[in-house]
Amino acid sequence: MRSGFRVETVRAAERALMEQLPEGALMSRAAAGLAAACSTLLGRTYGARVVLLVGSGDNGGDALYAGARLARRGAGVTAVLLSPERAHEGGLAALRAAGGRTLVAPGAVVDAEENAARPVAPVLARADLVVDGIVGIGGRGGLRPAAVELTDLVREAGVPVVAVDLPSGVDADTGRVDGPAVDAAATVTFGAYKPGLLIDPAHERAGAVRLVDIGLGPHLPATPDVEALQHEDVARLLPRPAPESDKYRRGVVGVAAGSATYPGAASLTVSGALRGGAGAVRFLGESAQVREHVIQRFPEVLLSEGPVRKAGRVQAWAVGPGLGDGAEARRTVADVLGTPLPVLVDADGLRLMSEGPDGLEAVRARQAETVLTPHAGEAAALLGCAREEVEDARLESARRLVELTGATVLLKGSTTLVASPPGAGGETVPVRVNPTGTGWLATAGSGDVLSGLIGSLLAAGLSGRDAASVGAYLHGYAGRRTREPATALGVAGALTRAWEDVSHSG
């Protein structure tokens, strides 16, 4: 499990730890970890050329002390100072004592005659690695003009960048990027993951993330702000049949999807449901054409003509993909929401919910588990805002949807988020970030497969939060296992192998 903590929480843990350590020990630990990571990325230290981008404060201090360590091992290290008068004194002295050089950033407002003879661009052009120590985890908003000018030079030079704690210009708490920011090939973060390192759009700026343990663990709370499941975590949650299981004890998932206009949505949803751990899939469809379409492809499926109350034995429902917007679709969604069973709502089901207050009231009134799986556009319709607002503030949007609906929300995207209501005692539940997403899943019908998969996991007995998290993880893993370019059917077919791989890791 990767656990992410807000800046305020990390700062409090750092203060508590520093009270127990000699002065400078915490920064020394961070610098040692950063220097080791840089050496690994370089492949060699002796003779390598490293450029430090140094802002004011402790983030720049970490970079300077790490640069001093690299210089003592034979690297040629140059620190480019954005605010020379505010650079970390101890770090600057250590770098110079180790043989490191300093330059002033071209956009810095200082008297820097030496820069006329020693411009920054040629130094960057010869560098093997750049270390971004411009802004720390307390920074807000995009980079300032002087930093933008400097990072533009880095981009033009094409040198890989290692970010100190997180890429400068991104929001550590939310993952927002409000303006220019650093694009890092790797990020070395200290003590704990920050939410912004796990959530897009900041996540894509961070590159490969390496966590350096500096001793914060005992001082961090037991419950993080966000968490990302790993293989072992998902393996422990996978439903497994017991020796006495039969298809009904394993769970039956009801699928209400597809229409004469979108018959493929029915088959794709069923394909995901068949691979989600439930013992049987019951398909509800009043259209003979769609029922025939499904049974030809999946002869093991149980067919029902409807209505929902006469469908037969069901432990959970997946409703919405390809239903359309006619009276029959509206009735089906309302009837499914009116059952006392766990329900997943996707696609047209979400759209019908967002068109009036009755749908939202029906969701809020439910006592059983409810999982909503919107993409950014569907989330925006529910929240009454622009799609761009959701995409720019994914974490806040997911939490707002939970407050609005009282349901578990799986917000699809480049980093899918699963947000849930507070626990039974009112305790905050961490938002889960899915780490297996891939752009190849952005293909027609892929979301239908995910809906069936999560519905089946609900029927197999998982909570809404766990079903959504496990479903997203397996779906993303399957997307990575398909041949490129991926198709929805390819993703569905790869789910069995994904289940097997993850299950064996546990």
Protein backbone atom coordinates (compact mmCIF):
# COMPACT_ATOMS: atom_id res chain seq x y z
CA MET A 1 0.00 0.00 0.00
CA ARG A 2 1.23 3.47 -0.86
CA SER A 3 -0.10 6.03 1.61
CA GLY A 4 -0.20 9.75 0.85
CA PHE A 5 -0.40 12.52 3.45
CA ARG A 6 -1.20 16.21 3.18
CA VAL A 7 1.55 18.78 3.64
CA GLU A 8 0.21 19.90 7.00
CA THR A 9 0.39 16.33 8.30
CA VAL A 10 3.90 15.78 6.95
CA ARG A 11 5.10 19.05 8.44
CA ALA A 12 3.73 18.09 11.87
CA ALA A 13 5.48 14.72 11.67
CA GLU A 14 8.75 16.43 10.68
CA ARG A 15 8.52 18.79 13.65
CA ALA A 16 7.90 15.92 16.05
CA LEU A 17 10.85 13.96 14.66
CA MET A 18 13.22 16.95 14.66
CA GLU A 19 12.64 17.38 18.37
CA GLN A 20 14.28 13.99 18.86
CA LEU A 21 17.22 14.49 16.47
CA PRO A 22 20.34 16.67 16.38
CA GLU A 23 20.00 19.83 14.32
CA GLY A 24 20.35 19.16 10.60
CA ALA A 25 19.97 15.37 10.91
CA LEU A 26 16.66 15.26 9.02
CA MET A 27 18.00 17.25 6.09
CA SER A 28 21.11 15.08 6.07
CA ARG A 29 18.94 11.96 5.74
CA ALA A 30 16.98 13.50 2.89
CA ALA A 31 20.13 14.65 1.09
CA ALA A 32 21.73 11.21 1.43
CA GLY A 33 18.70 9.54 -0.11
CA LEU A 34 18.53 12.11 -2.90
CA ALA A 35 22.23 11.75 -3.73
CA ALA A 36 21.93 7.96 -3.81
CA ALA A 37 18.97 8.15 -6.18
CA CYS A 38 20.84 10.56 -8.45
CA SER A 39 23.84 8.23 -8.54
CA THR A 40 21.60 5.33 -9.51
CA LEU A 41 20.01 7.33 -12.32
CA LEU A 42 23.37 8.53 -13.59
CA GLY A 43 24.84 5.04 -13.59
CA ARG A 44 28.15 6.58 -12.54
CA THR A 45 29.02 9.47 -10.29
CA TYR A 46 32.67 10.20 -11.02
CA GLY A 47 32.91 12.53 -14.00
CA ALA A 48 29.17 13.11 -14.28
CA ARG A 49 27.88 16.66 -14.70
CA VAL A 50 25.01 17.66 -12.41
CA VAL A 51 23.16 20.98 -12.32
CA LEU A 52 21.10 21.97 -9.28
CA LEU A 53 18.18 24.40 -9.68
CA VAL A 54 18.09 25.98 -6.25
CA GLY A 55 15.29 28.06 -4.78
CA SER A 56 15.06 29.43 -1.28
CA GLY A 57 14.28 27.34 1.76
CA ASP A 58 14.78 23.74 2.76
CA ASN A 59 13.96 22.24 -0.65
CA GLY A 60 16.94 24.07 -2.10
CA GLY A 61 18.96 23.03 0.96
CA ASP A 62 18.23 19.35 0.25
CA ALA A 63 19.47 19.83 -3.32
CA LEU A 64 22.62 21.64 -2.19
CA TYR A 65 23.59 19.05 0.43
CA ALA A 66 22.92 16.24 -2.06
CA GLY A 67 25.05 18.12 -4.61
CA ALA A 68 27.86 18.33 -2.07
CA ARG A 69 27.75 14.55 -1.61
CA LEU A 70 27.88 14.01 -5.37
CA ALA A 71 30.75 16.47 -5.73
CA ARG A 72 32.76 14.61 -3.08
CA ARG A 73 32.32 11.45 -5.17
CA GLY A 74 33.79 13.10 -8.23
CA ALA A 75 30.81 14.65 -9.98
CA GLY A 76 31.03 18.13 -11.44
CA VAL A 77 28.21 19.99 -9.70
CA THR A 78 26.91 23.47 -10.49
CA ALA A 79 24.14 25.13 -8.50
CA VAL A 80 22.01 27.71 -10.31
CA LEU A 81 20.60 30.04 -7.66
CA LEU A 82 17.22 31.68 -8.19
CA SER A 83 17.53 33.74 -4.99
CA PRO A 84 21.22 33.90 -4.04
CA GLU A 85 20.58 36.04 -0.99
CA ARG A 86 18.02 33.50 0.34
CA ALA A 87 19.76 30.25 -0.55
CA HIS A 88 20.27 27.78 2.29
CA GLU A 89 23.52 28.91 3.93
CA GLY A 90 24.66 25.57 5.27
CA GLY A 91 23.92 23.76 2.02
CA LEU A 92 25.65 26.42 -0.04
CA ALA A 93 28.74 26.27 2.16
CA ALA A 94 28.83 22.47 1.97
CA LEU A 95 28.61 22.50 -1.83
CA ARG A 96 31.40 25.05 -2.21
CA ALA A 97 33.57 23.18 0.27
CA ALA A 98 33.12 20.03 -1.84
CA GLY A 99 34.26 21.83 -4.98
CA GLY A 100 30.86 22.70 -6.40
CA ARG A 101 30.30 25.90 -8.40
CA THR A 102 27.45 28.40 -8.28
CA LEU A 103 25.74 30.55 -10.90
CA VAL A 104 22.86 32.96 -10.70
CA ALA A 105 19.73 32.17 -12.66
CA PRO A 106 19.27 34.51 -15.66
CA GLY A 107 15.91 35.78 -14.45
CA ALA A 108 17.00 36.45 -10.88
CA VAL A 109 16.87 40.09 -9.83
CA VAL A 110 20.40 40.51 -8.46
CA ASP A 111 23.66 42.11 -9.38
CA ALA A 112 25.35 39.19 -11.11
CA GLU A 113 28.24 40.40 -13.25
CA GLU A 114 29.83 36.95 -13.18
CA ASN A 115 26.90 35.60 -15.20
CA ALA A 116 27.95 37.60 -18.22
CA ALA A 117 31.04 35.44 -18.47
CA ARG A 118 29.38 32.24 -17.29
CA PRO A 119 25.89 31.93 -18.83
CA VAL A 120 23.64 29.13 -17.66
CA ALA A 121 22.55 27.65 -21.01
CA PRO A 122 25.94 26.12 -21.94
CA VAL A 123 26.22 24.55 -18.49
CA LEU A 124 22.81 22.93 -18.90
CA ALA A 125 23.67 21.74 -22.41
CA ARG A 126 26.62 19.75 -21.01
CA ALA A 127 24.74 18.35 -18.01
CA ASP A 128 23.92 14.68 -17.50
CA LEU A 129 21.28 15.36 -14.85
CA VAL A 130 19.34 18.33 -13.47
CA VAL A 131 18.03 18.39 -9.89
CA ASP A 132 14.88 20.44 -9.35
CA GLY A 133 15.10 22.09 -5.92
CA ILE A 134 13.16 25.24 -6.82
CA VAL A 135 9.99 24.95 -4.72
CA GLY A 136 9.13 22.58 -1.88
CA ILE A 137 5.88 20.92 -0.83
CA GLY A 138 4.54 24.18 0.57
CA GLY A 139 4.51 25.89 -2.82
CA ARG A 140 1.21 27.01 -4.33
CA GLY A 141 0.41 28.02 -7.89
CA GLY A 142 2.63 27.77 -10.94
CA LEU A 143 6.29 28.70 -11.21
CA ARG A 144 7.37 32.34 -11.01
CA PRO A 145 8.78 34.02 -14.16
CA ALA A 146 12.45 33.56 -13.24
CA ALA A 147 11.88 29.87 -12.60
CA VAL A 148 9.93 29.51 -15.85
CA GLU A 149 12.83 31.04 -17.78
CA LEU A 150 15.25 28.62 -16.14
CA THR A 151 13.11 25.52 -16.67
CA ASP A 152 12.58 26.52 -20.31
CA LEU A 153 16.36 26.36 -20.74
CA VAL A 154 16.37 22.90 -19.15
CA ARG A 155 13.65 21.73 -21.51
CA GLU A 156 15.55 23.07 -24.51
CA ALA A 157 18.69 21.25 -23.35
CA GLY A 158 16.75 17.97 -23.12
CA VAL A 159 18.39 16.93 -19.85
CA PRO A 160 16.52 14.52 -17.52
CA VAL A 161 15.27 16.13 -14.30
CA VAL A 162 15.06 14.67 -10.81
CA ALA A 163 12.58 16.54 -8.61
CA VAL A 164 13.27 17.05 -4.90
CA ASP A 165 10.18 15.90 -2.94
CA LEU A 166 7.84 16.82 -5.82
CA PRO A 167 8.08 18.68 -9.15
CA SER A 168 8.13 22.44 -8.61
CA GLY A 169 4.88 24.12 -9.57
CA VAL A 170 2.48 21.29 -8.71
CA ASP A 171 0.17 21.21 -5.70
CA ALA A 172 1.31 18.59 -3.20
CA ASP A 173 -2.11 18.16 -1.57
CA THR A 174 -4.40 17.93 -4.59
CA GLY A 175 -2.38 17.14 -7.70
CA ARG A 176 -3.48 20.37 -9.36
CA VAL A 177 -1.16 22.20 -11.75
CA ASP A 178 -2.15 25.86 -11.85
CA GLY A 179 0.42 27.24 -14.27
CA PRO A 180 3.92 26.32 -15.45
CA ALA A 181 5.51 23.36 -13.67
CA VAL A 182 8.53 21.10 -13.93
CA ASP A 183 8.33 17.88 -15.93
CA ALA A 184 10.49 15.37 -14.06
CA ALA A 185 11.83 12.04 -15.23
CA ALA A 186 11.91 10.97 -11.58
CA THR A 187 10.94 12.33 -8.18
CA VAL A 188 12.63 11.55 -4.87
CA THR A 189 10.16 12.21 -2.08
CA PHE A 190 10.92 12.14 1.63
CA GLY A 191 9.15 10.45 4.52
CA ALA A 192 5.79 9.86 2.87
CA TYR A 193 4.06 10.10 -0.47
CA LYS A 194 2.18 13.32 -1.08
CA PRO A 195 -1.28 13.11 -2.71
CA GLY A 196 -0.11 15.16 -5.69
CA LEU A 197 2.48 12.52 -6.55
CA LEU A 198 -0.29 9.96 -7.02
CA ILE A 199 -3.01 12.04 -8.70
CA ASP A 200 -3.06 13.60 -12.15
CA PRO A 201 -2.33 16.04 -13.58
CA ALA A 202 0.63 16.36 -11.16
CA HIS A 203 1.29 12.61 -11.20
CA GLU A 204 2.28 12.66 -14.85
CA ARG A 205 4.81 15.42 -14.09
CA ALA A 206 6.53 13.34 -11.39
CA GLY A 207 7.91 10.50 -13.48
CA ALA A 208 9.14 7.48 -11.51
CA VAL A 209 8.65 8.17 -7.80
CA ARG A 210 11.10 6.91 -5.17
CA LEU A 211 10.29 7.19 -1.47
CA VAL A 212 13.19 7.84 0.92
CA ASP A 213 12.53 6.77 4.51
CA ILE A 214 13.70 9.54 6.84
CA GLY A 215 11.97 8.20 9.96
CA LEU A 216 8.56 9.90 9.80
CA GLY A 217 6.55 6.67 10.09
CA PRO A 218 5.94 6.69 13.89
CA HIS A 219 4.82 10.32 13.73
CA LEU A 220 2.29 9.97 10.90
CA PRO A 221 -1.38 9.19 11.63
CA ALA A 222 -2.71 5.69 11.03
CA THR A 223 -5.19 6.93 8.41
CA PRO A 224 -3.69 8.63 5.32
CA ASP A 225 -5.45 11.12 3.08
CA VAL A 226 -5.06 8.96 0.00
CA GLU A 227 -3.84 5.43 -0.63
CA ALA A 228 -2.89 3.36 -3.65
CA LEU A 229 -3.40 -0.40 -3.55
CA GLN A 230 -0.61 -2.67 -4.75
CA HIS A 231 -0.72 -6.26 -6.02
CA GLU A 232 -0.63 -7.80 -2.52
CA ASP A 233 -3.45 -5.56 -1.27
CA VAL A 234 -5.70 -6.46 -4.18
CA ALA A 235 -4.86 -10.17 -3.84
CA ARG A 236 -6.14 -10.12 -0.26
CA LEU A 237 -9.45 -8.62 -1.38
CA LEU A 238 -10.18 -10.95 -4.30
CA PRO A 239 -13.27 -13.11 -3.63
CA ARG A 240 -12.49 -16.83 -3.61
CA PRO A 241 -15.02 -19.66 -3.55
CA ALA A 242 -15.09 -21.91 -0.49
CA PRO A 243 -15.31 -25.72 -0.81
CA GLU A 244 -19.06 -25.60 -0.10
CA SER A 245 -19.74 -22.80 -2.60
CA ASP A 246 -22.28 -23.05 -5.39
CA LYS A 247 -23.10 -20.48 -8.05
CA TYR A 248 -25.68 -18.80 -5.83
CA ARG A 249 -23.49 -18.66 -2.74
CA ARG A 250 -20.79 -17.05 -4.87
CA GLY A 251 -23.29 -14.36 -5.87
CA VAL A 252 -25.44 -13.53 -8.87
CA VAL A 253 -24.96 -10.16 -10.56
CA GLY A 254 -27.84 -8.65 -12.47
CA VAL A 255 -26.89 -6.68 -15.57
CA ALA A 256 -29.31 -4.13 -16.99
CA ALA A 257 -27.50 -2.71 -20.00
CA GLY A 258 -27.76 -2.29 -23.74
CA SER A 259 -30.63 -1.44 -26.07
CA ALA A 260 -31.59 -1.96 -29.69
CA THR A 261 -29.40 1.05 -30.49
CA TYR A 262 -26.46 -0.14 -28.36
CA PRO A 263 -26.58 -3.95 -28.19
CA GLY A 264 -22.79 -4.14 -27.87
CA ALA A 265 -22.92 -2.39 -24.49
CA ALA A 266 -24.89 -5.32 -23.11
CA SER A 267 -22.34 -7.89 -24.28
CA LEU A 268 -19.38 -5.85 -23.04
CA THR A 269 -20.92 -5.33 -19.61
CA VAL A 270 -21.70 -9.05 -19.36
CA SER A 271 -18.15 -9.90 -20.47
CA GLY A 272 -16.77 -7.93 -17.52
CA ALA A 273 -19.33 -9.40 -15.12
CA LEU A 274 -18.39 -12.97 -16.05
CA ARG A 275 -14.82 -12.27 -14.93
CA GLY A 276 -15.58 -10.61 -11.60
CA GLY A 277 -15.86 -13.52 -9.20
CA ALA A 278 -19.64 -13.92 -8.98
CA GLY A 279 -21.12 -17.37 -9.57
CA ALA A 280 -23.61 -16.32 -12.24
CA VAL A 281 -24.66 -13.40 -14.40
CA ARG A 282 -28.33 -12.63 -14.96
CA PHE A 283 -29.05 -10.37 -17.92
CA LEU A 284 -32.19 -8.25 -17.90
CA GLY A 285 -33.38 -6.99 -21.26
CA GLU A 286 -36.85 -6.37 -22.64
CA SER A 287 -35.50 -6.32 -26.21
CA ALA A 288 -35.47 -9.79 -27.77
CA GLN A 289 -32.77 -8.58 -30.15
CA VAL A 290 -30.42 -7.67 -27.31
CA ARG A 291 -31.14 -10.88 -25.36
CA GLU A 292 -30.31 -12.89 -28.47
CA HIS A 293 -27.15 -10.83 -28.98
CA VAL A 294 -26.01 -11.65 -25.43
CA ILE A 295 -26.90 -15.34 -25.32
CA GLN A 296 -25.17 -16.06 -28.62
CA ARG A 297 -21.91 -14.75 -27.21
CA PHE A 298 -22.31 -15.97 -23.62
CA PRO A 299 -24.46 -19.10 -23.39
CA GLU A 300 -23.85 -19.38 -19.63
CA VAL A 301 -25.79 -16.17 -18.92
CA LEU A 302 -29.23 -16.35 -17.28
CA LEU A 303 -31.81 -14.32 -19.24
CA SER A 304 -34.71 -12.30 -17.84
CA GLU A 305 -37.22 -10.21 -19.77
CA GLY A 306 -38.01 -7.98 -16.82
CA PRO A 307 -39.21 -6.02 -15.02
CA VAL A 308 -36.53 -5.75 -12.32
CA ARG A 309 -38.74 -7.10 -9.51
CA LYS A 310 -39.36 -10.31 -11.50
CA ALA A 311 -35.80 -10.81 -12.74
CA GLY A 312 -35.01 -13.66 -10.38
CA ARG A 313 -32.36 -14.17 -7.75
CA VAL A 314 -29.77 -11.36 -7.77
CA GLN A 315 -27.25 -10.19 -5.14
CA ALA A 316 -26.18 -6.93 -6.87
CA TRP A 317 -26.98 -4.91 -9.98
CA ALA A 318 -24.93 -3.18 -12.66
CA VAL A 319 -27.12 -0.74 -14.56
CA GLY A 320 -26.68 1.91 -17.22
CA PRO A 321 -24.31 1.13 -20.12
CA GLY A 322 -26.06 1.60 -23.46
CA LEU A 323 -29.60 1.82 -22.00
CA GLY A 324 -30.51 4.92 -23.96
CA ASP A 325 -32.92 7.55 -22.67
CA GLY A 326 -36.39 6.21 -23.40
CA ALA A 327 -39.15 5.49 -20.91
CA GLU A 328 -38.00 1.88 -20.55
CA ALA A 329 -34.47 2.98 -19.63
CA ARG A 330 -35.75 5.45 -17.06
CA ARG A 331 -37.99 2.83 -15.48
CA THR A 332 -35.17 0.31 -15.32
CA VAL A 333 -32.80 2.71 -13.59
CA ALA A 334 -35.47 3.78 -11.10
CA ASP A 335 -36.44 0.16 -10.36
CA VAL A 336 -32.83 -0.92 -9.82
CA LEU A 337 -32.18 2.01 -7.50
CA GLY A 338 -35.32 1.04 -5.61
CA THR A 339 -34.01 -2.42 -4.71
CA PRO A 340 -32.37 -3.11 -1.34
CA LEU A 341 -29.32 -4.57 -3.11
CA PRO A 342 -25.85 -3.18 -3.88
CA VAL A 343 -25.95 -1.27 -7.18
CA LEU A 344 -23.43 0.07 -9.67
CA VAL A 345 -24.63 2.92 -11.90
CA ASP A 346 -22.74 3.93 -15.04
CA ALA A 347 -23.11 5.71 -18.40
CA ASP A 348 -26.76 6.31 -19.35
CA GLY A 349 -27.79 5.52 -15.79
CA LEU A 350 -25.68 8.44 -14.57
CA ARG A 351 -27.00 10.71 -17.29
CA LEU A 352 -30.61 9.93 -16.41
CA MET A 353 -29.80 10.56 -12.74
CA SER A 354 -28.33 13.97 -13.49
CA GLU A 355 -31.35 15.21 -15.49
CA GLY A 356 -33.53 15.81 -12.47
CA PRO A 357 -33.64 15.76 -8.67
CA ASP A 358 -35.48 12.43 -8.46
CA GLY A 359 -32.44 10.38 -9.50
CA LEU A 360 -30.14 11.99 -6.97
CA GLU A 361 -32.77 11.69 -4.24
CA ALA A 362 -33.16 7.99 -5.04
CA VAL A 363 -29.41 7.47 -4.63
CA ARG A 364 -29.22 9.49 -1.41
CA ALA A 365 -32.13 7.53 0.04
CA ARG A 366 -30.53 4.13 -0.54
CA GLN A 367 -29.36 2.07 2.44
CA ALA A 368 -27.44 -0.53 0.42
CA GLU A 369 -24.06 0.03 -1.25
CA THR A 370 -24.15 2.31 -4.30
CA VAL A 371 -21.19 2.80 -6.65
CA LEU A 372 -21.20 5.53 -9.29
CA THR A 373 -18.58 5.37 -12.05
CA PRO A 374 -18.57 8.68 -13.95
CA HIS A 375 -15.95 10.00 -16.32
CA ALA A 376 -15.14 13.72 -16.13
CA GLY A 377 -18.04 14.76 -18.37
CA GLU A 378 -20.60 12.76 -16.40
CA ALA A 379 -19.16 14.02 -13.13
CA ALA A 380 -19.43 17.61 -14.38
CA ALA A 381 -23.10 17.07 -15.27
CA LEU A 382 -23.82 15.77 -11.77
CA LEU A 383 -21.92 18.63 -10.13
CA GLY A 384 -23.26 21.32 -12.46
CA CYS A 385 -19.82 22.55 -13.52
CA ALA A 386 -17.57 22.50 -16.59
CA ARG A 387 -15.71 19.32 -17.51
CA GLU A 388 -12.42 21.21 -17.27
CA GLU A 389 -13.08 21.96 -13.61
CA VAL A 390 -13.34 18.26 -12.87
CA GLU A 391 -10.21 17.41 -14.85
CA ASP A 392 -8.18 20.16 -13.15
CA ALA A 393 -9.35 19.27 -9.63
CA ARG A 394 -9.93 15.53 -9.65
CA LEU A 395 -9.53 14.92 -5.92
CA GLU A 396 -11.87 17.73 -4.89
CA SER A 397 -14.40 16.69 -7.54
CA ALA A 398 -14.52 13.09 -6.34
CA ARG A 399 -15.04 14.23 -2.75
CA ARG A 400 -17.77 16.67 -3.81
CA LEU A 401 -19.60 13.88 -5.63
CA VAL A 402 -19.55 11.76 -2.47
CA GLU A 403 -21.04 14.65 -0.49
CA LEU A 404 -23.69 15.21 -3.17
CA THR A 405 -24.80 11.60 -3.55
CA GLY A 406 -23.78 9.75 -0.40
CA ALA A 407 -22.44 7.00 -2.69
CA THR A 408 -19.02 5.55 -3.37
CA VAL A 409 -17.67 7.35 -6.44
CA LEU A 410 -15.19 5.94 -8.93
CA LEU A 411 -14.04 8.94 -10.98
CA LYS A 412 -12.52 7.59 -14.18
CA GLY A 413 -9.48 9.18 -15.74
CA SER A 414 -5.75 8.88 -16.21
CA THR A 415 -5.58 8.25 -12.47
CA THR A 416 -8.91 6.78 -11.43
CA LEU A 417 -10.02 7.78 -7.93
CA VAL A 418 -12.34 5.92 -5.56
CA ALA A 419 -13.90 8.14 -2.89
CA SER A 420 -16.30 6.87 -0.24
CA PRO A 421 -18.60 8.32 2.45
CA PRO A 422 -17.34 8.47 6.05
CA GLY A 423 -17.22 5.24 8.02
CA ALA A 424 -19.92 4.08 10.42
CA GLY A 425 -18.34 6.09 13.23
CA GLY A 426 -17.95 9.19 11.08
CA GLU A 427 -14.25 8.62 10.49
CA THR A 428 -12.69 9.88 7.27
CA VAL A 429 -12.05 7.22 4.64
CA PRO A 430 -8.92 7.68 2.48
CA VAL A 431 -9.46 8.27 -1.21
CA ARG A 432 -7.99 5.40 -3.20
CA VAL A 433 -5.86 6.13 -6.25
CA ASN A 434 -5.64 3.42 -8.89
CA PRO A 435 -2.00 2.95 -10.02
CA THR A 436 -2.61 0.62 -12.99
CA GLY A 437 -4.32 2.98 -15.42
CA THR A 438 -3.16 3.26 -19.01
CA GLY A 439 -4.14 5.47 -21.90
CA TRP A 440 -4.99 2.35 -23.94
CA LEU A 441 -8.14 2.00 -21.85
CA ALA A 442 -9.48 5.16 -23.50
CA THR A 443 -11.39 3.11 -26.06
CA ALA A 444 -15.09 2.62 -26.76
CA GLY A 445 -16.72 0.03 -24.51
CA SER A 446 -13.89 -0.24 -22.00
CA GLY A 447 -16.01 1.42 -19.32
CA ASP A 448 -18.83 -1.07 -19.94
CA VAL A 449 -16.42 -3.92 -19.15
CA LEU A 450 -15.42 -2.16 -15.92
CA SER A 451 -19.08 -1.73 -14.92
CA GLY A 452 -19.80 -5.44 -15.25
CA LEU A 453 -16.60 -6.33 -13.41
CA ILE A 454 -17.38 -4.11 -10.42
CA GLY A 455 -21.02 -5.26 -10.34
CA SER A 456 -19.83 -8.87 -10.15
CA LEU A 457 -17.43 -8.05 -7.31
CA LEU A 458 -20.32 -6.44 -5.43
CA ALA A 459 -22.40 -9.58 -5.91
CA ALA A 460 -19.47 -11.68 -4.68
CA GLY A 461 -19.63 -9.80 -1.37
CA LEU A 462 -17.11 -6.97 -1.59
CA SER A 463 -17.99 -3.56 -0.20
CA GLY A 464 -18.59 -0.76 -2.66
CA ARG A 465 -15.18 0.75 -1.92
CA ASP A 466 -13.33 -2.53 -2.31
CA ALA A 467 -15.28 -3.62 -5.38
CA ALA A 468 -14.57 -0.31 -7.12
CA SER A 469 -10.88 -0.36 -6.14
CA VAL A 470 -10.28 -3.99 -7.11
CA GLY A 471 -12.24 -3.55 -10.34
CA ALA A 472 -10.25 -0.49 -11.36
CA TYR A 473 -6.97 -2.22 -10.52
CA LEU A 474 -7.73 -5.38 -12.51
CA HIS A 475 -9.19 -3.37 -15.40
CA GLY A 476 -6.06 -1.22 -15.62
CA TYR A 477 -3.77 -4.22 -15.31
CA ALA A 478 -5.67 -6.00 -18.08
CA GLY A 479 -5.38 -2.90 -20.25
CA ARG A 480 -1.62 -3.06 -19.89
CA ARG A 481 -1.58 -6.75 -20.78
CA THR A 482 -3.47 -6.38 -24.06
CA ARG A 483 -1.79 -5.92 -27.41
CA GLU A 484 -1.62 -2.31 -28.49
CA PRO A 485 -3.87 -0.75 -29.59
CA ALA A 486 -6.27 -2.20 -27.02
CA THR A 487 -9.97 -2.88 -27.62
CA ALA A 488 -12.73 -3.34 -25.07
CA LEU A 489 -13.04 -7.03 -25.94
CA GLY A 490 -9.27 -7.38 -25.63
CA VAL A 491 -9.38 -5.84 -22.18
CA ALA A 492 -12.22 -8.15 -21.15
CA GLY A 493 -10.28 -11.14 -22.41
CA ALA A 494 -7.18 -10.10 -20.47
CA LEU A 495 -9.08 -9.87 -17.16
CA THR A 496 -8.70 -13.60 -16.50
CA ARG A 497 -4.92 -13.35 -16.79
CA ALA A 498 -4.92 -10.18 -14.69
CA TRP A 499 -6.89 -11.95 -11.95
CA GLU A 500 -4.47 -14.88 -12.07
CA ASP A 501 -1.35 -12.68 -11.90
CA VAL A 502 -2.65 -10.59 -9.02
CA SER A 503 -4.03 -13.58 -7.12
CA HIS A 504 -0.68 -15.39 -7.22
CA SER A 505 1.10 -12.35 -5.82
CA GLY A 506 -0.83 -12.73 -2.58
